[in-house]
Amino acid sequence: MTLRSTLLATGAAVSVLALAACSGDAAATASGTAEDPVRIGVVSAGEAYWDTFAEAAAAEGIEVEIVNFSDYQLPNQGLSDGDLDLNQFQHLQFLAGYNVARGDDLTPIGATAVYPLGLYSTAHASLEEIPDGGQVAIPNDETNQARALLVLQDAGLLTLREGGNSFSTPADVVAEESRVSVTPVDAAQTAIALADVDASIINNDFVGDAGLAEDDAIFTDDPDSAAAEPYINVWVARSADAEDETLARLVDIYHSPEIEAQVLEASGGTGVIKDNDPADLQAILDDIETNLAAE
């Protein structure tokens, strides 16, 4: 889901113990037996769908161990180090940042969902009501800031230089072609800022802070658009395990109707299930990494 600015705390001690027990050099993919389960790093182990997923995998003879983390950097490091066999917590933009920063080649082997990013207002009931020269608050963290700018461009409220991309900043806003100006604030403050601006881009995690529901958004990005592709959440493996049949089967199990329904319920109905194949996901990742390396 949308990456929180405040990291989850639940299960941190369990994560540390699990990693200490299996730390070491990168290892071959686990066999999926009770003695050697497939270890999957997540940041949402408390969600009901993980129990359903583990039960469904076991019914097909694949034992899994869900390892929860409180730090978003650790599931990728654990995968690189061989402490995990898979992880599932991030979108492609986040994965690209890790790979480029660490010189790694962690690989997406399946998609999960996109969580649309919404524009909210307590002053205006529609996009059309937002006045010329209006002010919009956006998250100031690098990943969500660029996405927020793309959302506002899709909404017709501003124009980004050269069409923008997943690394755009407020400096890329073409003022003379834009109806609004943007004010970057901490993601957790975008809901609070509604009292002082015409509208705010608010991550799903903080919509409730404004006393709003996700369907109160006056605009959201299109989950099937090219602009949303970097924000597809993915299953990730080491590149050497990209063709592993057991891991591929786990991705298929995740997309069973019962589990997909629970994933959507956990998102408050805001998620949109995606089923891009690995080659498509890798092409999107390669493009993001190329752009990032050029920054």
Protein backbone atom coordinates (compact mmCIF):
# COMPACT_ATOMS: atom_id res chain seq x y z
CA MET A 1 0.00 0.00 0.00
CA THR A 2 0.95 3.65 0.09
CA LEU A 3 4.22 3.90 1.99
CA ARG A 4 3.66 5.46 5.41
CA SER A 5 5.87 8.23 6.68
CA THR A 6 5.48 6.69 10.12
CA LEU A 7 6.71 3.09 10.08
CA LEU A 8 4.75 0.18 11.50
CA ALA A 9 5.86 -1.11 14.87
CA THR A 10 4.00 -4.43 15.21
CA GLY A 11 6.14 -7.50 14.93
CA ALA A 12 9.54 -5.81 15.01
CA ALA A 13 10.92 -8.12 17.68
CA VAL A 14 9.70 -11.17 15.78
CA SER A 15 11.45 -9.90 12.64
CA VAL A 16 14.77 -9.46 14.43
CA LEU A 17 14.60 -12.94 15.91
CA ALA A 18 13.65 -14.50 12.59
CA LEU A 19 16.53 -12.83 10.80
CA ALA A 20 19.01 -13.73 13.53
CA ALA A 21 18.00 -17.36 13.24
CA CYS A 22 18.57 -17.56 9.48
CA SER A 23 21.16 -14.88 8.78
CA GLY A 24 24.06 -15.60 6.50
CA ASP A 25 25.08 -15.45 2.87
CA ALA A 26 22.45 -15.47 0.13
CA ALA A 27 20.90 -18.93 0.00
CA ALA A 28 18.92 -20.96 -2.50
CA THR A 29 15.16 -20.53 -2.50
CA ALA A 30 13.47 -22.41 0.33
CA SER A 31 11.80 -25.66 -0.64
CA GLY A 32 8.45 -24.82 0.94
CA THR A 33 8.58 -27.74 3.38
CA ALA A 34 7.90 -27.55 7.10
CA GLU A 35 11.66 -27.82 7.68
CA ASP A 36 12.50 -25.22 5.04
CA PRO A 37 9.54 -22.88 4.53
CA VAL A 38 9.42 -20.07 1.99
CA ARG A 39 10.19 -16.95 4.04
CA ILE A 40 8.23 -13.88 2.96
CA GLY A 41 9.02 -10.38 4.25
CA VAL A 42 6.03 -8.05 4.76
CA VAL A 43 5.08 -4.95 6.76
CA SER A 44 1.45 -5.97 7.29
CA ALA A 45 1.51 -9.42 8.88
CA GLY A 46 -1.49 -8.57 11.04
CA GLU A 47 -3.83 -8.44 8.04
CA ALA A 48 -6.22 -11.41 7.89
CA TYR A 49 -5.37 -12.24 4.31
CA TRP A 50 -1.90 -13.45 5.27
CA ASP A 51 -3.41 -16.23 7.41
CA THR A 52 -5.69 -17.17 4.53
CA PHE A 53 -2.74 -17.08 2.13
CA ALA A 54 -0.59 -19.31 4.36
CA GLU A 55 -3.44 -21.81 4.73
CA ALA A 56 -4.06 -21.89 0.97
CA ALA A 57 -0.36 -22.41 0.28
CA ALA A 58 -0.18 -25.21 2.85
CA ALA A 59 -3.15 -26.89 1.19
CA GLU A 60 -1.00 -27.11 -1.95
CA GLY A 61 1.98 -28.46 -0.03
CA ILE A 62 3.87 -25.19 0.26
CA GLU A 63 4.76 -24.06 3.76
CA VAL A 64 5.38 -20.33 4.19
CA GLU A 65 6.70 -18.20 7.03
CA ILE A 66 5.48 -14.60 7.12
CA VAL A 67 8.19 -12.34 8.59
CA ASN A 68 7.00 -8.89 9.65
CA PHE A 69 9.18 -5.76 9.59
CA SER A 70 8.87 -2.29 11.08
CA ASP A 71 11.45 -0.67 8.76
CA TYR A 72 10.73 -0.47 5.04
CA GLN A 73 14.41 -0.89 4.13
CA LEU A 74 14.84 -4.25 5.87
CA PRO A 75 12.71 -6.57 3.68
CA ASN A 76 14.82 -5.75 0.63
CA GLN A 77 18.08 -6.10 2.55
CA GLY A 78 16.86 -9.39 4.02
CA LEU A 79 16.06 -10.65 0.54
CA SER A 80 19.43 -9.59 -0.83
CA ASP A 81 21.22 -11.26 2.08
CA GLY A 82 19.33 -14.54 1.66
CA ASP A 83 17.41 -14.24 4.93
CA LEU A 84 14.16 -14.11 2.93
CA ASP A 85 12.98 -15.87 -0.22
CA LEU A 86 10.38 -13.28 -1.23
CA ASN A 87 9.02 -9.98 -0.08
CA GLN A 88 5.74 -8.23 -0.72
CA PHE A 89 5.39 -4.72 0.64
CA GLN A 90 6.52 -2.20 -2.00
CA HIS A 91 5.72 -0.65 -5.33
CA LEU A 92 8.07 -0.55 -8.30
CA GLN A 93 9.19 3.01 -7.62
CA PHE A 94 10.42 2.02 -4.15
CA LEU A 95 12.12 -1.11 -5.51
CA ALA A 96 13.91 0.94 -8.16
CA GLY A 97 15.24 3.30 -5.50
CA TYR A 98 16.63 0.38 -3.53
CA ASN A 99 18.21 -1.33 -6.53
CA VAL A 100 19.91 1.82 -7.81
CA ALA A 101 21.13 2.89 -4.37
CA ARG A 102 22.51 -0.55 -3.53
CA GLY A 103 23.61 -1.69 -6.98
CA ASP A 104 21.22 -4.63 -6.66
CA ASP A 105 18.93 -6.41 -9.11
CA LEU A 106 15.99 -7.59 -7.03
CA THR A 107 13.26 -8.63 -9.45
CA PRO A 108 9.45 -8.35 -9.54
CA ILE A 109 7.79 -11.72 -10.18
CA GLY A 110 4.15 -10.67 -9.86
CA ALA A 111 1.83 -7.75 -9.25
CA THR A 112 -0.56 -7.26 -6.35
CA ALA A 113 -2.48 -3.97 -6.49
CA VAL A 114 -2.41 -0.23 -7.05
CA TYR A 115 -3.82 2.08 -4.40
CA PRO A 116 -5.14 5.24 -6.10
CA LEU A 117 -4.00 8.58 -4.67
CA GLY A 118 -6.81 11.05 -4.07
CA LEU A 119 -7.37 14.81 -4.14
CA TYR A 120 -9.66 16.00 -1.34
CA SER A 121 -11.26 19.32 -0.48
CA THR A 122 -13.49 20.64 2.28
CA ALA A 123 -13.88 23.98 0.46
CA HIS A 124 -14.90 22.77 -3.00
CA ALA A 125 -17.19 19.97 -4.19
CA SER A 126 -15.52 19.43 -7.57
CA LEU A 127 -12.41 20.13 -9.62
CA GLU A 128 -14.30 22.83 -11.48
CA GLU A 129 -14.83 24.80 -8.28
CA ILE A 130 -11.11 25.07 -7.52
CA PRO A 131 -10.24 28.64 -8.54
CA ASP A 132 -7.42 29.81 -10.75
CA GLY A 133 -4.51 30.58 -8.45
CA GLY A 134 -5.76 28.03 -5.92
CA GLN A 135 -3.39 26.31 -3.52
CA VAL A 136 -3.02 22.55 -3.15
CA ALA A 137 -1.08 20.75 -0.41
CA ILE A 138 0.94 17.71 -1.48
CA PRO A 139 3.14 15.23 0.42
CA ASN A 140 6.77 16.34 0.55
CA ASP A 141 8.45 12.91 0.52
CA GLU A 142 10.15 12.18 -2.79
CA THR A 143 7.99 9.25 -3.93
CA ASN A 144 4.55 10.58 -3.03
CA GLN A 145 5.39 14.15 -4.08
CA ALA A 146 6.09 13.14 -7.67
CA ARG A 147 2.98 10.99 -7.79
CA ALA A 148 0.86 13.83 -6.36
CA LEU A 149 2.10 16.16 -9.10
CA LEU A 150 1.15 13.60 -11.74
CA VAL A 151 -2.32 13.29 -10.17
CA LEU A 152 -2.79 17.06 -10.34
CA GLN A 153 -1.64 17.07 -13.95
CA ASP A 154 -4.12 14.30 -14.81
CA ALA A 155 -6.80 16.39 -13.09
CA GLY A 156 -5.99 19.31 -15.38
CA LEU A 157 -4.90 21.56 -12.51
CA LEU A 158 -1.26 21.95 -13.51
CA THR A 159 1.27 21.19 -16.22
CA LEU A 160 4.64 19.54 -15.66
CA ARG A 161 7.69 20.21 -17.78
CA GLU A 162 8.07 17.57 -20.52
CA GLY A 163 4.99 15.78 -19.23
CA GLY A 164 6.54 14.91 -15.87
CA ASN A 165 7.58 11.53 -14.51
CA SER A 166 7.90 9.66 -11.24
CA PHE A 167 10.78 11.93 -10.22
CA SER A 168 9.06 15.28 -10.83
CA THR A 169 9.33 18.03 -8.21
CA PRO A 170 7.49 21.33 -7.72
CA ALA A 171 10.30 22.96 -9.71
CA ASP A 172 8.91 21.14 -12.77
CA VAL A 173 5.51 22.85 -12.55
CA VAL A 174 4.98 25.18 -15.52
CA ALA A 175 3.37 28.08 -13.65
CA GLU A 176 1.97 29.92 -16.67
CA GLU A 177 0.14 26.76 -17.81
CA SER A 178 -1.16 25.76 -14.36
CA ARG A 179 -4.36 26.67 -12.52
CA VAL A 180 -2.95 26.00 -9.04
CA SER A 181 0.24 26.23 -7.04
CA VAL A 182 1.45 23.47 -4.73
CA THR A 183 2.61 23.53 -1.12
CA PRO A 184 4.66 20.48 -0.05
CA VAL A 185 4.05 19.38 3.56
CA ASP A 186 4.72 16.23 5.55
CA ALA A 187 2.39 13.47 4.33
CA ALA A 188 0.78 13.24 7.77
CA GLN A 189 -0.03 16.97 7.60
CA THR A 190 -1.85 16.95 4.25
CA ALA A 191 -5.17 16.19 5.93
CA ILE A 192 -4.69 18.91 8.54
CA ALA A 193 -3.73 21.38 5.79
CA LEU A 194 -7.22 21.12 4.27
CA ALA A 195 -8.36 23.95 6.52
CA ASP A 196 -5.89 26.34 4.88
CA VAL A 197 -5.80 25.32 1.22
CA ASP A 198 -8.23 24.71 -1.61
CA ALA A 199 -7.43 20.99 -1.74
CA SER A 200 -4.93 18.37 -0.60
CA ILE A 201 -3.47 15.21 -2.03
CA ILE A 202 -3.84 12.80 0.90
CA ASN A 203 -2.37 9.30 1.16
CA ASN A 204 -4.92 6.61 2.01
CA ASP A 205 -3.27 6.16 5.40
CA PHE A 206 -4.23 9.67 6.50
CA VAL A 207 -7.65 10.22 4.91
CA GLY A 208 -9.42 9.29 8.13
CA ASP A 209 -7.47 12.01 9.98
CA ALA A 210 -9.49 14.59 8.06
CA GLY A 211 -12.80 12.93 8.92
CA LEU A 212 -13.11 11.86 5.29
CA ALA A 213 -13.63 8.58 3.49
CA GLU A 214 -11.78 7.52 0.34
CA ASP A 215 -14.93 8.02 -1.76
CA ASP A 216 -14.96 11.71 -0.76
CA ALA A 217 -12.06 12.34 -3.13
CA ILE A 218 -12.90 14.80 -5.90
CA PHE A 219 -10.29 13.16 -8.12
CA THR A 220 -8.04 10.08 -8.05
CA ASP A 221 -5.42 8.85 -10.46
CA ASP A 222 -6.32 6.20 -13.02
CA PRO A 223 -4.88 2.85 -11.82
CA ASP A 224 -4.61 1.69 -15.42
CA SER A 225 -2.71 4.75 -16.67
CA ALA A 226 0.98 4.86 -17.54
CA ALA A 227 1.46 7.41 -14.76
CA ALA A 228 0.27 4.82 -12.20
CA GLU A 229 2.60 2.05 -13.38
CA PRO A 230 5.52 2.92 -11.05
CA TYR A 231 3.13 2.52 -8.11
CA ILE A 232 2.07 -1.06 -8.84
CA ASN A 233 2.81 -3.09 -5.73
CA VAL A 234 4.77 -6.25 -6.41
CA TRP A 235 6.11 -9.58 -5.24
CA VAL A 236 9.92 -9.42 -5.31
CA ALA A 237 12.58 -12.14 -5.47
CA ARG A 238 16.30 -12.33 -6.09
CA SER A 239 17.01 -12.30 -9.82
CA ALA A 240 18.43 -15.84 -9.61
CA ASP A 241 15.01 -17.04 -8.40
CA ALA A 242 12.89 -15.12 -10.91
CA GLU A 243 11.83 -18.35 -12.68
CA ASP A 244 11.31 -20.45 -9.54
CA GLU A 245 8.09 -22.45 -9.94
CA THR A 246 7.25 -22.54 -6.24
CA LEU A 247 7.50 -18.76 -5.94
CA ALA A 248 5.39 -18.33 -9.09
CA ARG A 249 2.75 -20.61 -7.62
CA LEU A 250 2.60 -18.47 -4.47
CA VAL A 251 1.87 -15.43 -6.64
CA ASP A 252 -0.98 -17.37 -8.27
CA ILE A 253 -2.36 -18.38 -4.87
CA TYR A 254 -2.39 -14.74 -3.78
CA HIS A 255 -4.63 -13.98 -6.75
CA SER A 256 -7.30 -16.48 -5.71
CA PRO A 257 -10.72 -14.81 -5.38
CA GLU A 258 -10.92 -15.28 -1.59
CA ILE A 259 -7.54 -13.69 -0.92
CA GLU A 260 -8.04 -10.85 -3.39
CA ALA A 261 -11.34 -10.05 -1.68
CA GLN A 262 -9.61 -9.87 1.71
CA VAL A 263 -6.82 -7.68 0.29
CA LEU A 264 -9.41 -5.24 -1.05
CA GLU A 265 -11.29 -5.29 2.25
CA ALA A 266 -8.06 -4.46 4.11
CA SER A 267 -7.58 -1.45 1.82
CA GLY A 268 -11.02 -0.09 2.65
CA GLY A 269 -12.07 -0.81 -0.90
CA THR A 270 -9.54 1.58 -2.42
CA GLY A 271 -7.16 -0.99 -3.91
CA VAL A 272 -7.28 -2.09 -7.54
CA ILE A 273 -5.94 -5.59 -8.14
CA LYS A 274 -3.27 -5.80 -10.84
CA ASP A 275 -2.04 -8.90 -12.67
CA ASN A 276 0.78 -7.59 -14.88
CA ASP A 277 3.13 -10.37 -15.91
CA PRO A 278 6.75 -10.36 -14.70
CA ALA A 279 8.17 -9.22 -18.06
CA ASP A 280 5.88 -6.18 -18.07
CA LEU A 281 6.80 -5.34 -14.48
CA GLN A 282 10.51 -5.70 -15.21
CA ALA A 283 10.21 -3.36 -18.21
CA ILE A 284 8.53 -0.72 -16.03
CA LEU A 285 11.22 -1.20 -13.35
CA ASP A 286 14.02 -0.89 -15.91
CA ASP A 287 12.57 2.40 -17.15
CA ILE A 288 12.30 3.81 -13.62
CA GLU A 289 15.85 2.74 -12.79
CA THR A 290 17.16 4.34 -15.98
CA ASN A 291 15.43 7.62 -15.11
CA LEU A 292 16.66 7.45 -11.55
CA ALA A 293 20.25 6.82 -12.55
CA ALA A 294 20.05 9.85 -14.82
CA GLU A 295 18.82 12.14 -12.03
